[in-house]
């Protein structure tokens, strides 16, 4: 079934859409596949690229930003780690956490108040 899902997303992207959600959806598919089974870094690297493309198309797409930095940590890509988390902390301090949950937030260099903010934001997202 993963192959079928990938085919659907690839056809969607082949339509040359500039919709950031399309790129985000493919990144999420690859990221989810990598989480559920052994996947080559090639596919996970593609997920990082799709997150980046979604962010180019829509810089305030916080779900793509937080998902991208989470995936970069999973694949041990630390190249821009400090700048990513500087931006993440800044966004969290402004009340944006892109749907990130408290469990993932524990893996990040966040203050106690930032962790509480992420938890409150996630609870508000769930209530909607």
PDB file of N, CA and C in Angstrom:
ATOM      1  N   UNK A   1       0.809  -1.190   0.000  1.00  0.00           N
ATOM      2  CA  UNK A   1       0.000   0.000   0.000  1.00  0.00           C
ATOM      3  C   UNK A   1       0.859   1.264   0.000  1.00  0.00           C
ATOM      4  N   UNK A   2       2.077   1.169   0.601  1.00  0.00           N
ATOM      5  CA  UNK A   2       2.944   2.346   0.602  1.00  0.00           C
ATOM      6  C   UNK A   2       3.304   2.766  -0.815  1.00  0.00           C
ATOM      7  N   UNK A   3       3.557   1.770  -1.662  1.00  0.00           N
ATOM      8  CA  UNK A   3       3.875   2.073  -3.057  1.00  0.00           C
ATOM      9  C   UNK A   3       2.726   2.786  -3.750  1.00  0.00           C
ATOM     10  N   UNK A   4       1.512   2.374  -3.459  1.00  0.00           N
ATOM     11  CA  UNK A   4       0.337   3.038  -4.039  1.00  0.00           C
ATOM     12  C   UNK A   4       0.259   4.489  -3.583  1.00  0.00           C
ATOM     13  N   UNK A   5       0.443   4.698  -2.285  1.00  0.00           N
ATOM     14  CA  UNK A   5       0.374   6.062  -1.740  1.00  0.00           C
ATOM     15  C   UNK A   5       1.461   6.936  -2.341  1.00  0.00           C
ATOM     16  N   UNK A   6       2.661   6.377  -2.460  1.00  0.00           N
ATOM     17  CA  UNK A   6       3.758   7.150  -3.046  1.00  0.00           C
ATOM     18  C   UNK A   6       3.426   7.521  -4.487  1.00  0.00           C
ATOM     19  N   UNK A   7       2.846   6.584  -5.237  1.00  0.00           N
ATOM     20  CA  UNK A   7       2.481   6.857  -6.625  1.00  0.00           C
ATOM     21  C   UNK A   7       1.478   7.995  -6.741  1.00  0.00           C
ATOM     22  N   UNK A   8       0.499   8.016  -5.855  1.00  0.00           N
ATOM     23  CA  UNK A   8      -0.498   9.096  -5.859  1.00  0.00           C
ATOM     24  C   UNK A   8       0.177  10.434  -5.613  1.00  0.00           C
ATOM     25  N   UNK A   9       1.047  10.485  -4.602  1.00  0.00           N
ATOM     26  CA  UNK A   9       1.729  11.745  -4.296  1.00  0.00           C
ATOM     27  C   UNK A   9       2.653  12.176  -5.441  1.00  0.00           C
ATOM     28  N   UNK A  10       3.333  11.220  -6.054  1.00  0.00           N
ATOM     29  CA  UNK A  10       4.219  11.569  -7.173  1.00  0.00           C
ATOM     30  C   UNK A  10       3.422  12.140  -8.347  1.00  0.00           C
ATOM     31  N   UNK A  11       2.267  11.554  -8.656  1.00  0.00           N
ATOM     32  CA  UNK A  11       1.419  12.102  -9.723  1.00  0.00           C
ATOM     33  C   UNK A  11       0.942  13.505  -9.370  1.00  0.00           C
ATOM     34  N   UNK A  12       0.623  13.719  -8.114  1.00  0.00           N
ATOM     35  CA  UNK A  12       0.187  15.031  -7.667  1.00  0.00           C
ATOM     36  C   UNK A  12       1.306  16.061  -7.893  1.00  0.00           C
ATOM     37  N   UNK A  13       2.526  15.693  -7.547  1.00  0.00           N
ATOM     38  CA  UNK A  13       3.646  16.621  -7.718  1.00  0.00           C
ATOM     39  C   UNK A  13       4.014  16.807  -9.186  1.00  0.00           C
ATOM     40  N   UNK A  14       3.801  15.765  -9.993  1.00  0.00           N
ATOM     41  CA  UNK A  14       4.108  15.875 -11.421  1.00  0.00           C
ATOM     42  C   UNK A  14       3.199  16.879 -12.113  1.00  0.00           C
ATOM     43  N   UNK A  15       2.088  17.205 -11.476  1.00  0.00           N
ATOM     44  CA  UNK A  15       1.174  18.186 -12.059  1.00  0.00           C
ATOM     45  C   UNK A  15       1.724  19.607 -11.931  1.00  0.00           C
ATOM     46  N   UNK A  16       2.930  19.731 -11.410  1.00  0.00           N
ATOM     47  CA  UNK A  16       3.642  21.005 -11.274  1.00  0.00           C
ATOM     48  C   UNK A  16       2.879  22.017 -10.420  1.00  0.00           C
ATOM     49  N   UNK A  17       2.191  21.513  -9.435  1.00  0.00           N
ATOM     50  CA  UNK A  17       1.503  22.395  -8.512  1.00  0.00           C
ATOM     51  C   UNK A  17       2.505  23.141  -7.644  1.00  0.00           C
ATOM     52  N   UNK A  18       2.171  24.334  -7.279  1.00  0.00           N
ATOM     53  CA  UNK A  18       3.015  25.106  -6.368  1.00  0.00           C
ATOM     54  C   UNK A  18       2.401  25.130  -4.974  1.00  0.00           C
ATOM     55  N   UNK A  19       1.385  24.321  -4.772  1.00  0.00           N
ATOM     56  CA  UNK A  19       0.693  24.282  -3.489  1.00  0.00           C
ATOM     57  C   UNK A  19       1.637  23.703  -2.427  1.00  0.00           C
ATOM     58  N   UNK A  20       1.962  24.490  -1.386  1.00  0.00           N
ATOM     59  CA  UNK A  20       2.870  23.992  -0.349  1.00  0.00           C
ATOM     60  C   UNK A  20       2.351  22.734   0.346  1.00  0.00           C
ATOM     61  N   UNK A  21       1.035  22.610   0.473  1.00  0.00           N
ATOM     62  CA  UNK A  21       0.476  21.443   1.147  1.00  0.00           C
ATOM     63  C   UNK A  21       0.778  20.158   0.383  1.00  0.00           C
ATOM     64  N   UNK A  22       0.864  20.221  -0.946  1.00  0.00           N
ATOM     65  CA  UNK A  22       1.206  19.040  -1.737  1.00  0.00           C
ATOM     66  C   UNK A  22       2.608  18.558  -1.393  1.00  0.00           C
ATOM     67  N   UNK A  23       3.552  19.484  -1.346  1.00  0.00           N
ATOM     68  CA  UNK A  23       4.935  19.118  -1.025  1.00  0.00           C
ATOM     69  C   UNK A  23       5.037  18.615   0.413  1.00  0.00           C
ATOM     70  N   UNK A  24       4.317  19.275   1.308  1.00  0.00           N
ATOM     71  CA  UNK A  24       4.295  18.864   2.708  1.00  0.00           C
ATOM     72  C   UNK A  24       3.730  17.450   2.834  1.00  0.00           C
ATOM     73  N   UNK A  25       2.668  17.155   2.092  1.00  0.00           N
ATOM     74  CA  UNK A  25       2.045  15.830   2.159  1.00  0.00           C
ATOM     75  C   UNK A  25       2.998  14.736   1.707  1.00  0.00           C
ATOM     76  N   UNK A  26       3.762  14.987   0.654  1.00  0.00           N
ATOM     77  CA  UNK A  26       4.723  13.982   0.202  1.00  0.00           C
ATOM     78  C   UNK A  26       5.833  13.823   1.237  1.00  0.00           C
ATOM     79  N   UNK A  27       6.292  14.919   1.801  1.00  0.00           N
ATOM     80  CA  UNK A  27       7.315  14.841   2.847  1.00  0.00           C
ATOM     81  C   UNK A  27       6.798  14.029   4.032  1.00  0.00           C
ATOM     82  N   UNK A  28       5.556  14.268   4.428  1.00  0.00           N
ATOM     83  CA  UNK A  28       4.961  13.525   5.534  1.00  0.00           C
ATOM     84  C   UNK A  28       4.853  12.036   5.201  1.00  0.00           C
ATOM     85  N   UNK A  29       4.517  11.733   3.949  1.00  0.00           N
ATOM     86  CA  UNK A  29       4.420  10.329   3.536  1.00  0.00           C
ATOM     87  C   UNK A  29       5.779   9.645   3.647  1.00  0.00           C
ATOM     88  N   UNK A  30       6.817  10.266   3.116  1.00  0.00           N
ATOM     89  CA  UNK A  30       8.153   9.679   3.206  1.00  0.00           C
ATOM     90  C   UNK A  30       8.612   9.591   4.660  1.00  0.00           C
ATOM     91  N   UNK A  31       8.354  10.631   5.423  1.00  0.00           N
ATOM     92  CA  UNK A  31       8.756  10.647   6.818  1.00  0.00           C
ATOM     93  C   UNK A  31       8.046   9.535   7.574  1.00  0.00           C
ATOM     94  N   UNK A  32       6.744   9.393   7.341  1.00  0.00           N
ATOM     95  CA  UNK A  32       5.980   8.331   7.994  1.00  0.00           C
ATOM     96  C   UNK A  32       6.431   6.943   7.595  1.00  0.00           C
ATOM     97  N   UNK A  33       6.760   6.786   6.327  1.00  0.00           N
ATOM     98  CA  UNK A  33       7.277   5.496   5.865  1.00  0.00           C
ATOM     99  C   UNK A  33       8.584   5.171   6.573  1.00  0.00           C
ATOM    100  N   UNK A  34       9.436   6.171   6.710  1.00  0.00           N
ATOM    101  CA  UNK A  34      10.715   5.963   7.370  1.00  0.00           C
ATOM    102  C   UNK A  34      10.559   5.606   8.832  1.00  0.00           C
ATOM    103  N   UNK A  35       9.512   6.147   9.451  1.00  0.00           N
ATOM    104  CA  UNK A  35       9.269   5.853  10.861  1.00  0.00           C
ATOM    105  C   UNK A  35       8.716   4.445  11.047  1.00  0.00           C
ATOM    106  N   UNK A  36       8.005   3.938  10.049  1.00  0.00           N
ATOM    107  CA  UNK A  36       7.339   2.653  10.217  1.00  0.00           C
ATOM    108  C   UNK A  36       8.128   1.475   9.658  1.00  0.00           C
ATOM    109  N   UNK A  37       9.136   1.738   8.860  1.00  0.00           N
ATOM    110  CA  UNK A  37       9.925   0.643   8.294  1.00  0.00           C
ATOM    111  C   UNK A  37      11.315   1.165   7.953  1.00  0.00           C
ATOM    112  N   UNK A  38      12.220   0.247   7.715  1.00  0.00           N
ATOM    113  CA  UNK A  38      13.552   0.670   7.308  1.00  0.00           C
ATOM    114  C   UNK A  38      13.467   1.351   5.949  1.00  0.00           C
ATOM    115  N   UNK A  39      13.984   2.548   5.882  1.00  0.00           N
ATOM    116  CA  UNK A  39      13.947   3.273   4.612  1.00  0.00           C
ATOM    117  C   UNK A  39      15.327   3.888   4.382  1.00  0.00           C
ATOM    118  N   UNK A  40      15.717   3.922   3.144  1.00  0.00           N
ATOM    119  CA  UNK A  40      17.012   4.497   2.817  1.00  0.00           C
ATOM    120  C   UNK A  40      17.033   5.978   3.139  1.00  0.00           C
ATOM    121  N   UNK A  41      18.222   6.465   3.415  1.00  0.00           N
ATOM    122  CA  UNK A  41      18.372   7.906   3.631  1.00  0.00           C
ATOM    123  C   UNK A  41      17.960   8.691   2.400  1.00  0.00           C
ATOM    124  N   UNK A  42      18.030   8.076   1.228  1.00  0.00           N
ATOM    125  CA  UNK A  42      17.634   8.779   0.004  1.00  0.00           C
ATOM    126  C   UNK A  42      16.201   9.267   0.117  1.00  0.00           C
ATOM    127  N   UNK A  43      15.294   8.413   0.545  1.00  0.00           N
ATOM    128  CA  UNK A  43      13.888   8.797   0.676  1.00  0.00           C
ATOM    129  C   UNK A  43      13.708   9.823   1.791  1.00  0.00           C
ATOM    130  N   UNK A  44      14.383   9.625   2.896  1.00  0.00           N
ATOM    131  CA  UNK A  44      14.263  10.593   3.986  1.00  0.00           C
ATOM    132  C   UNK A  44      14.873  11.927   3.589  1.00  0.00           C
ATOM    133  N   UNK A  45      15.966  11.881   2.832  1.00  0.00           N
ATOM    134  CA  UNK A  45      16.547  13.125   2.315  1.00  0.00           C
ATOM    135  C   UNK A  45      15.561  13.815   1.383  1.00  0.00           C
ATOM    136  N   UNK A  46      14.813  13.029   0.595  1.00  0.00           N
ATOM    137  CA  UNK A  46      13.787  13.610  -0.266  1.00  0.00           C
ATOM    138  C   UNK A  46      12.703  14.266   0.576  1.00  0.00           C
ATOM    139  N   UNK A  47      12.351  13.653   1.691  1.00  0.00           N
ATOM    140  CA  UNK A  47      11.355  14.254   2.586  1.00  0.00           C
ATOM    141  C   UNK A  47      11.843  15.614   3.077  1.00  0.00           C
ATOM    142  N   UNK A  48      13.121  15.700   3.436  1.00  0.00           N
ATOM    143  CA  UNK A  48      13.690  16.985   3.871  1.00  0.00           C
ATOM    144  C   UNK A  48      13.563  18.013   2.746  1.00  0.00           C
ATOM    145  N   UNK A  49      13.848  17.585   1.521  1.00  0.00           N
ATOM    146  CA  UNK A  49      13.750  18.500   0.371  1.00  0.00           C
ATOM    147  C   UNK A  49      12.312  18.965   0.147  1.00  0.00           C
ATOM    148  N   UNK A  50      11.349  18.057   0.317  1.00  0.00           N
ATOM    149  CA  UNK A  50       9.946  18.452   0.140  1.00  0.00           C
ATOM    150  C   UNK A  50       9.495  19.402   1.243  1.00  0.00           C
ATOM    151  N   UNK A  51       9.943  19.170   2.465  1.00  0.00           N
ATOM    152  CA  UNK A  51       9.634  20.135   3.530  1.00  0.00           C
ATOM    153  C   UNK A  51      10.214  21.498   3.165  1.00  0.00           C
ATOM    154  N   UNK A  52      11.454  21.502   2.686  1.00  0.00           N
ATOM    155  CA  UNK A  52      12.095  22.773   2.310  1.00  0.00           C
ATOM    156  C   UNK A  52      11.325  23.460   1.185  1.00  0.00           C
ATOM    157  N   UNK A  53      10.871  22.686   0.205  1.00  0.00           N
ATOM    158  CA  UNK A  53      10.098  23.269  -0.905  1.00  0.00           C
ATOM    159  C   UNK A  53       8.787  23.872  -0.404  1.00  0.00           C
ATOM    160  N   UNK A  54       8.145  23.192   0.537  1.00  0.00           N
ATOM    161  CA  UNK A  54       6.907  23.726   1.115  1.00  0.00           C
ATOM    162  C   UNK A  54       7.192  25.041   1.833  1.00  0.00           C
ATOM    163  N   UNK A  55       8.343  25.124   2.503  1.00  0.00           N
ATOM    164  CA  UNK A  55       8.699  26.347   3.226  1.00  0.00           C
ATOM    165  C   UNK A  55       9.082  27.484   2.293  1.00  0.00           C
ATOM    166  N   UNK A  56       9.674  27.170   1.145  1.00  0.00           N
ATOM    167  CA  UNK A  56       9.963  28.207   0.156  1.00  0.00           C
ATOM    168  C   UNK A  56       8.656  28.787  -0.368  1.00  0.00           C
ATOM    169  N   UNK A  57       7.697  27.909  -0.642  1.00  0.00           N
ATOM    170  CA  UNK A  57       6.408  28.357  -1.173  1.00  0.00           C
ATOM    171  C   UNK A  57       5.585  29.093  -0.120  1.00  0.00           C
ATOM    172  N   UNK A  58       5.754  28.710   1.149  1.00  0.00           N
ATOM    173  CA  UNK A  58       4.968  29.322   2.223  1.00  0.00           C
ATOM    174  C   UNK A  58       5.833  29.372   3.486  1.00  0.00           C
ATOM    175  N   UNK A  59       6.619  30.431   3.648  1.00  0.00           N
ATOM    176  CA  UNK A  59       7.570  30.512   4.768  1.00  0.00           C
ATOM    177  C   UNK A  59       6.945  30.403   6.161  1.00  0.00           C
ATOM    178  N   UNK A  60       5.665  30.717   6.297  1.00  0.00           N
ATOM    179  CA  UNK A  60       5.029  30.610   7.608  1.00  0.00           C
ATOM    180  C   UNK A  60       4.277  29.284   7.789  1.00  0.00           C
ATOM    181  N   UNK A  61       4.676  28.277   7.052  1.00  0.00           N
ATOM    182  CA  UNK A  61       4.084  26.936   7.159  1.00  0.00           C
ATOM    183  C   UNK A  61       4.816  26.219   8.304  1.00  0.00           C
ATOM    184  N   UNK A  62       4.383  26.498   9.541  1.00  0.00           N
ATOM    185  CA  UNK A  62       5.111  26.048  10.720  1.00  0.00           C
ATOM    186  C   UNK A  62       5.102  24.533  10.884  1.00  0.00           C
ATOM    187  N   UNK A  63       4.047  23.865  10.458  1.00  0.00           N
ATOM    188  CA  UNK A  63       4.039  22.402  10.549  1.00  0.00           C
ATOM    189  C   UNK A  63       5.173  21.814   9.710  1.00  0.00           C
ATOM    190  N   UNK A  64       5.411  22.381   8.525  1.00  0.00           N
ATOM    191  CA  UNK A  64       6.517  21.907   7.679  1.00  0.00           C
ATOM    192  C   UNK A  64       7.861  22.198   8.343  1.00  0.00           C
ATOM    193  N   UNK A  65       7.995  23.378   8.941  1.00  0.00           N
ATOM    194  CA  UNK A  65       9.258  23.739   9.597  1.00  0.00           C
ATOM    195  C   UNK A  65       9.568  22.789  10.751  1.00  0.00           C
ATOM    196  N   UNK A  66       8.601  22.594  11.643  1.00  0.00           N
ATOM    197  CA  UNK A  66       8.861  21.742  12.809  1.00  0.00           C
ATOM    198  C   UNK A  66       9.046  20.277  12.394  1.00  0.00           C
ATOM    199  N   UNK A  67       8.317  19.819  11.387  1.00  0.00           N
ATOM    200  CA  UNK A  67       8.506  18.452  10.901  1.00  0.00           C
ATOM    201  C   UNK A  67       9.883  18.286  10.272  1.00  0.00           C
ATOM    202  N   UNK A  68      10.327  19.302   9.539  1.00  0.00           N
ATOM    203  CA  UNK A  68      11.643  19.221   8.900  1.00  0.00           C
ATOM    204  C   UNK A  68      12.755  19.140   9.942  1.00  0.00           C
ATOM    205  N   UNK A  69      12.710  19.989  10.968  1.00  0.00           N
ATOM    206  CA  UNK A  69      13.810  19.931  11.932  1.00  0.00           C
ATOM    207  C   UNK A  69      13.766  18.641  12.744  1.00  0.00           C
ATOM    208  N   UNK A  70      12.575  18.120  12.957  1.00  0.00           N
ATOM    209  CA  UNK A  70      12.488  16.830  13.650  1.00  0.00           C
ATOM    210  C   UNK A  70      13.137  15.731  12.803  1.00  0.00           C
ATOM    211  N   UNK A  71      12.811  15.704  11.515  1.00  0.00           N
ATOM    212  CA  UNK A  71      13.392  14.700  10.623  1.00  0.00           C
ATOM    213  C   UNK A  71      14.902  14.878  10.500  1.00  0.00           C
ATOM    214  N   UNK A  72      15.373  16.101  10.412  1.00  0.00           N
ATOM    215  CA  UNK A  72      16.820  16.328  10.343  1.00  0.00           C
ATOM    216  C   UNK A  72      17.535  15.730  11.552  1.00  0.00           C
ATOM    217  N   UNK A  73      16.917  15.847  12.717  1.00  0.00           N
ATOM    218  CA  UNK A  73      17.489  15.221  13.909  1.00  0.00           C
ATOM    219  C   UNK A  73      17.482  13.705  13.815  1.00  0.00           C
ATOM    220  N   UNK A  74      16.386  13.148  13.287  1.00  0.00           N
ATOM    221  CA  UNK A  74      16.296  11.688  13.147  1.00  0.00           C
ATOM    222  C   UNK A  74      17.365  11.130  12.231  1.00  0.00           C
ATOM    223  N   UNK A  75      17.726  11.885  11.180  1.00  0.00           N
ATOM    224  CA  UNK A  75      18.731  11.375  10.240  1.00  0.00           C
ATOM    225  C   UNK A  75      20.130  11.909  10.564  1.00  0.00           C
ATOM    226  N   UNK A  76      20.255  12.505  11.745  1.00  0.00           N
ATOM    227  CA  UNK A  76      21.548  12.992  12.260  1.00  0.00           C
ATOM    228  C   UNK A  76      22.178  14.048  11.364  1.00  0.00           C
ATOM    229  N   UNK A  77      21.363  14.918  10.820  1.00  0.00           N
ATOM    230  CA  UNK A  77      21.867  16.046  10.036  1.00  0.00           C
ATOM    231  C   UNK A  77      21.885  17.254  10.960  1.00  0.00           C
ATOM    232  N   UNK A  78      23.052  17.550  11.513  1.00  0.00           N
ATOM    233  CA  UNK A  78      23.188  18.603  12.515  1.00  0.00           C
ATOM    234  C   UNK A  78      23.721  19.905  11.925  1.00  0.00           C
ATOM    235  N   UNK A  79      23.802  19.995  10.611  1.00  0.00           N
ATOM    236  CA  UNK A  79      24.453  21.139   9.955  1.00  0.00           C
ATOM    237  C   UNK A  79      23.927  22.495  10.429  1.00  0.00           C
ATOM    238  N   UNK A  80      22.635  22.656  10.510  1.00  0.00           N
ATOM    239  CA  UNK A  80      22.062  23.949  10.912  1.00  0.00           C
ATOM    240  C   UNK A  80      21.262  23.832  12.201  1.00  0.00           C
ATOM    241  N   UNK A  81      21.605  22.857  13.013  1.00  0.00           N
ATOM    242  CA  UNK A  81      20.854  22.551  14.220  1.00  0.00           C
ATOM    243  C   UNK A  81      20.619  23.791  15.089  1.00  0.00           C
ATOM    244  N   UNK A  82      21.673  24.517  15.398  1.00  0.00           N
ATOM    245  CA  UNK A  82      21.515  25.665  16.302  1.00  0.00           C
ATOM    246  C   UNK A  82      20.653  26.759  15.687  1.00  0.00           C
ATOM    247  N   UNK A  83      20.821  27.038  14.404  1.00  0.00           N
ATOM    248  CA  UNK A  83      19.985  28.079  13.787  1.00  0.00           C
ATOM    249  C   UNK A  83      18.534  27.622  13.694  1.00  0.00           C
ATOM    250  N   UNK A  84      18.309  26.327  13.421  1.00  0.00           N
ATOM    251  CA  UNK A  84      16.941  25.813  13.390  1.00  0.00           C
ATOM    252  C   UNK A  84      16.279  25.958  14.754  1.00  0.00           C
ATOM    253  N   UNK A  85      17.019  25.615  15.805  1.00  0.00           N
ATOM    254  CA  UNK A  85      16.398  25.687  17.122  1.00  0.00           C
ATOM    255  C   UNK A  85      16.329  27.086  17.680  1.00  0.00           C
ATOM    256  N   UNK A  86      17.165  27.939  17.204  1.00  0.00           N
ATOM    257  CA  UNK A  86      17.003  29.349  17.550  1.00  0.00           C
ATOM    258  C   UNK A  86      15.673  29.851  16.991  1.00  0.00           C
ATOM    259  N   UNK A  87      15.407  29.508  15.730  1.00  0.00           N
ATOM    260  CA  UNK A  87      14.138  29.897  15.105  1.00  0.00           C
ATOM    261  C   UNK A  87      12.967  29.181  15.779  1.00  0.00           C
ATOM    262  N   UNK A  88      13.123  27.892  16.096  1.00  0.00           N
ATOM    263  CA  UNK A  88      12.047  27.139  16.747  1.00  0.00           C
ATOM    264  C   UNK A  88      11.698  27.768  18.097  1.00  0.00           C
ATOM    265  N   UNK A  89      12.707  28.097  18.886  1.00  0.00           N
ATOM    266  CA  UNK A  89      12.449  28.722  20.190  1.00  0.00           C
ATOM    267  C   UNK A  89      11.743  30.065  20.021  1.00  0.00           C
ATOM    268  N   UNK A  90      12.170  30.829  19.015  1.00  0.00           N
ATOM    269  CA  UNK A  90      11.538  32.122  18.733  1.00  0.00           C
ATOM    270  C   UNK A  90      10.067  31.932  18.356  1.00  0.00           C
ATOM    271  N   UNK A  91       9.773  30.972  17.498  1.00  0.00           N
ATOM    272  CA  UNK A  91       8.388  30.705  17.097  1.00  0.00           C
ATOM    273  C   UNK A  91       7.538  30.245  18.285  1.00  0.00           C
ATOM    274  N   UNK A  92       8.093  29.363  19.091  1.00  0.00           N
ATOM    275  CA  UNK A  92       7.364  28.869  20.258  1.00  0.00           C
ATOM    276  C   UNK A  92       7.070  30.011  21.221  1.00  0.00           C
ATOM    277  N   UNK A  93       8.049  30.900  21.402  1.00  0.00           N
ATOM    278  CA  UNK A  93       7.845  32.051  22.281  1.00  0.00           C
ATOM    279  C   UNK A  93       6.745  32.971  21.761  1.00  0.00           C
ATOM    280  N   UNK A  94       6.515  32.948  20.439  1.00  0.00           N
ATOM    281  CA  UNK A  94       5.445  33.754  19.840  1.00  0.00           C
ATOM    282  C   UNK A  94       4.123  32.996  19.801  1.00  0.00           C
ATOM    283  N   UNK A  95       4.121  31.745  20.276  1.00  0.00           N
ATOM    284  CA  UNK A  95       2.885  30.967  20.335  1.00  0.00           C
ATOM    285  C   UNK A  95       2.670  29.991  19.200  1.00  0.00           C
ATOM    286  N   UNK A  96       3.629  29.822  18.328  1.00  0.00           N
ATOM    287  CA  UNK A  96       3.503  28.900  17.193  1.00  0.00           C
ATOM    288  C   UNK A  96       4.327  27.649  17.467  1.00  0.00           C
ATOM    289  N   UNK A  97       3.709  26.488  17.285  1.00  0.00           N
ATOM    290  CA  UNK A  97       4.478  25.252  17.428  1.00  0.00           C
ATOM    291  C   UNK A  97       4.156  24.243  16.340  1.00  0.00           C
ATOM    292  N   UNK A  98       3.388  24.645  15.342  1.00  0.00           N
ATOM    293  CA  UNK A  98       3.176  23.825  14.150  1.00  0.00           C
ATOM    294  C   UNK A  98       2.627  22.444  14.385  1.00  0.00           C
ATOM    295  N   UNK A  99       1.828  22.282  15.426  1.00  0.00           N
ATOM    296  CA  UNK A  99       1.252  20.973  15.690  1.00  0.00           C
ATOM    297  C   UNK A  99       2.191  20.009  16.403  1.00  0.00           C
ATOM    298  N   UNK A 100       3.381  20.483  16.777  1.00  0.00           N
ATOM    299  CA  UNK A 100       4.323  19.619  17.482  1.00  0.00           C
ATOM    300  C   UNK A 100       3.724  19.217  18.825  1.00  0.00           C
ATOM    301  N   UNK A 101       3.872  17.966  19.180  1.00  0.00           N
ATOM    302  CA  UNK A 101       3.364  17.479  20.451  1.00  0.00           C
ATOM    303  C   UNK A 101       4.417  17.511  21.539  1.00  0.00           C
ATOM    304  N   UNK A 102       3.976  17.364  22.774  1.00  0.00           N
ATOM    305  CA  UNK A 102       4.908  17.447  23.901  1.00  0.00           C
ATOM    306  C   UNK A 102       5.963  16.347  23.932  1.00  0.00           C
ATOM    307  N   UNK A 103       5.644  15.162  23.397  1.00  0.00           N
ATOM    308  CA  UNK A 103       6.633  14.083  23.404  1.00  0.00           C
ATOM    309  C   UNK A 103       7.818  14.451  22.512  1.00  0.00           C
ATOM    310  N   UNK A 104       7.539  14.943  21.299  1.00  0.00           N
ATOM    311  CA  UNK A 104       8.627  15.361  20.415  1.00  0.00           C
ATOM    312  C   UNK A 104       9.387  16.536  21.008  1.00  0.00           C
ATOM    313  N   UNK A 105       8.670  17.442  21.652  1.00  0.00           N
ATOM    314  CA  UNK A 105       9.307  18.635  22.213  1.00  0.00           C
ATOM    315  C   UNK A 105      10.345  18.283  23.270  1.00  0.00           C
ATOM    316  N   UNK A 106      10.156  17.147  23.951  1.00  0.00           N
ATOM    317  CA  UNK A 106      11.121  16.750  24.978  1.00  0.00           C
ATOM    318  C   UNK A 106      12.511  16.494  24.395  1.00  0.00           C
ATOM    319  N   UNK A 107      12.586  16.193  23.108  1.00  0.00           N
ATOM    320  CA  UNK A 107      13.870  15.899  22.467  1.00  0.00           C
ATOM    321  C   UNK A 107      14.629  17.167  22.078  1.00  0.00           C
ATOM    322  N   UNK A 108      14.013  18.311  22.266  1.00  0.00           N
ATOM    323  CA  UNK A 108      14.594  19.552  21.782  1.00  0.00           C
ATOM    324  C   UNK A 108      15.141  20.398  22.929  1.00  0.00           C
ATOM    325  N   UNK A 109      16.096  21.260  22.613  1.00  0.00           N
ATOM    326  CA  UNK A 109      16.673  22.135  23.647  1.00  0.00           C
ATOM    327  C   UNK A 109      15.735  23.311  23.954  1.00  0.00           C
ATOM    328  N   UNK A 110      14.648  23.022  24.684  1.00  0.00           N
ATOM    329  CA  UNK A 110      13.650  24.031  25.009  1.00  0.00           C
ATOM    330  C   UNK A 110      13.623  24.262  26.515  1.00  0.00           C
ATOM    331  N   UNK A 111      13.225  25.465  26.884  1.00  0.00           N
ATOM    332  CA  UNK A 111      13.074  25.774  28.307  1.00  0.00           C
ATOM    333  C   UNK A 111      11.780  25.154  28.828  1.00  0.00           C
ATOM    334  N   UNK A 112      11.626  25.144  30.134  1.00  0.00           N
ATOM    335  CA  UNK A 112      10.405  24.615  30.741  1.00  0.00           C
ATOM    336  C   UNK A 112       9.179  25.384  30.265  1.00  0.00           C
ATOM    337  N   UNK A 113       9.288  26.691  30.169  1.00  0.00           N
ATOM    338  CA  UNK A 113       8.136  27.483  29.726  1.00  0.00           C
ATOM    339  C   UNK A 113       7.813  27.206  28.258  1.00  0.00           C
ATOM    340  N   UNK A 114       8.820  26.954  27.446  1.00  0.00           N
ATOM    341  CA  UNK A 114       8.581  26.616  26.041  1.00  0.00           C
ATOM    342  C   UNK A 114       7.913  25.246  25.924  1.00  0.00           C
ATOM    343  N   UNK A 115       8.340  24.283  26.750  1.00  0.00           N
ATOM    344  CA  UNK A 115       7.708  22.964  26.750  1.00  0.00           C
ATOM    345  C   UNK A 115       6.240  23.084  27.151  1.00  0.00           C
ATOM    346  N   UNK A 116       5.953  23.918  28.139  1.00  0.00           N
ATOM    347  CA  UNK A 116       4.555  24.136  28.551  1.00  0.00           C
ATOM    348  C   UNK A 116       3.762  24.799  27.434  1.00  0.00           C
ATOM    349  N   UNK A 117       4.378  25.732  26.720  1.00  0.00           N
ATOM    350  CA  UNK A 117       3.708  26.405  25.607  1.00  0.00           C
ATOM    351  C   UNK A 117       3.362  25.410  24.510  1.00  0.00           C
ATOM    352  N   UNK A 118       4.296  24.540  24.174  1.00  0.00           N
ATOM    353  CA  UNK A 118       4.053  23.509  23.155  1.00  0.00           C
ATOM    354  C   UNK A 118       2.893  22.614  23.595  1.00  0.00           C
ATOM    355  N   UNK A 119       2.886  22.230  24.858  1.00  0.00           N
ATOM    356  CA  UNK A 119       1.832  21.357  25.377  1.00  0.00           C
ATOM    357  C   UNK A 119       0.472  22.051  25.315  1.00  0.00           C
ATOM    358  N   UNK A 120       0.422  23.323  25.719  1.00  0.00           N
ATOM    359  CA  UNK A 120      -0.838  24.078  25.641  1.00  0.00           C
ATOM    360  C   UNK A 120      -1.305  24.218  24.200  1.00  0.00           C
ATOM    361  N   UNK A 121      -0.376  24.525  23.296  1.00  0.00           N
ATOM    362  CA  UNK A 121      -0.736  24.669  21.868  1.00  0.00           C
ATOM    363  C   UNK A 121      -1.278  23.364  21.317  1.00  0.00           C
ATOM    364  N   UNK A 122      -0.649  22.267  21.653  1.00  0.00           N
ATOM    365  CA  UNK A 122      -1.095  20.968  21.137  1.00  0.00           C
ATOM    366  C   UNK A 122      -2.482  20.634  21.684  1.00  0.00           C
ATOM    367  N   UNK A 123      -2.692  20.911  22.974  1.00  0.00           N
ATOM    368  CA  UNK A 123      -4.006  20.662  23.572  1.00  0.00           C
ATOM    369  C   UNK A 123      -5.076  21.497  22.873  1.00  0.00           C
ATOM    370  N   UNK A 124      -4.756  22.739  22.556  1.00  0.00           N
ATOM    371  CA  UNK A 124      -5.715  23.604  21.847  1.00  0.00           C
ATOM    372  C   UNK A 124      -5.993  23.061  20.447  1.00  0.00           C
ATOM    373  N   UNK A 125      -4.947  22.547  19.766  1.00  0.00           N
ATOM    374  CA  UNK A 125      -5.136  21.965  18.429  1.00  0.00           C
ATOM    375  C   UNK A 125      -6.069  20.759  18.506  1.00  0.00           C
ATOM    376  N   UNK A 126      -5.897  19.926  19.519  1.00  0.00           N
ATOM    377  CA  UNK A 126      -6.702  18.719  19.661  1.00  0.00           C
ATOM    378  C   UNK A 126      -8.152  19.079  19.959  1.00  0.00           C
ATOM    379  N   UNK A 127      -8.359  20.112  20.760  1.00  0.00           N
ATOM    380  CA  UNK A 127      -9.722  20.518  21.110  1.00  0.00           C
ATOM    381  C   UNK A 127     -10.511  21.027  19.914  1.00  0.00           C
ATOM    382  N   UNK A 128      -9.821  21.529  18.900  1.00  0.00           N
ATOM    383  CA  UNK A 128     -10.509  22.070  17.733  1.00  0.00           C
ATOM    384  C   UNK A 128     -11.074  20.993  16.936  1.00  0.00           C
TER     385      UNK A 128
END
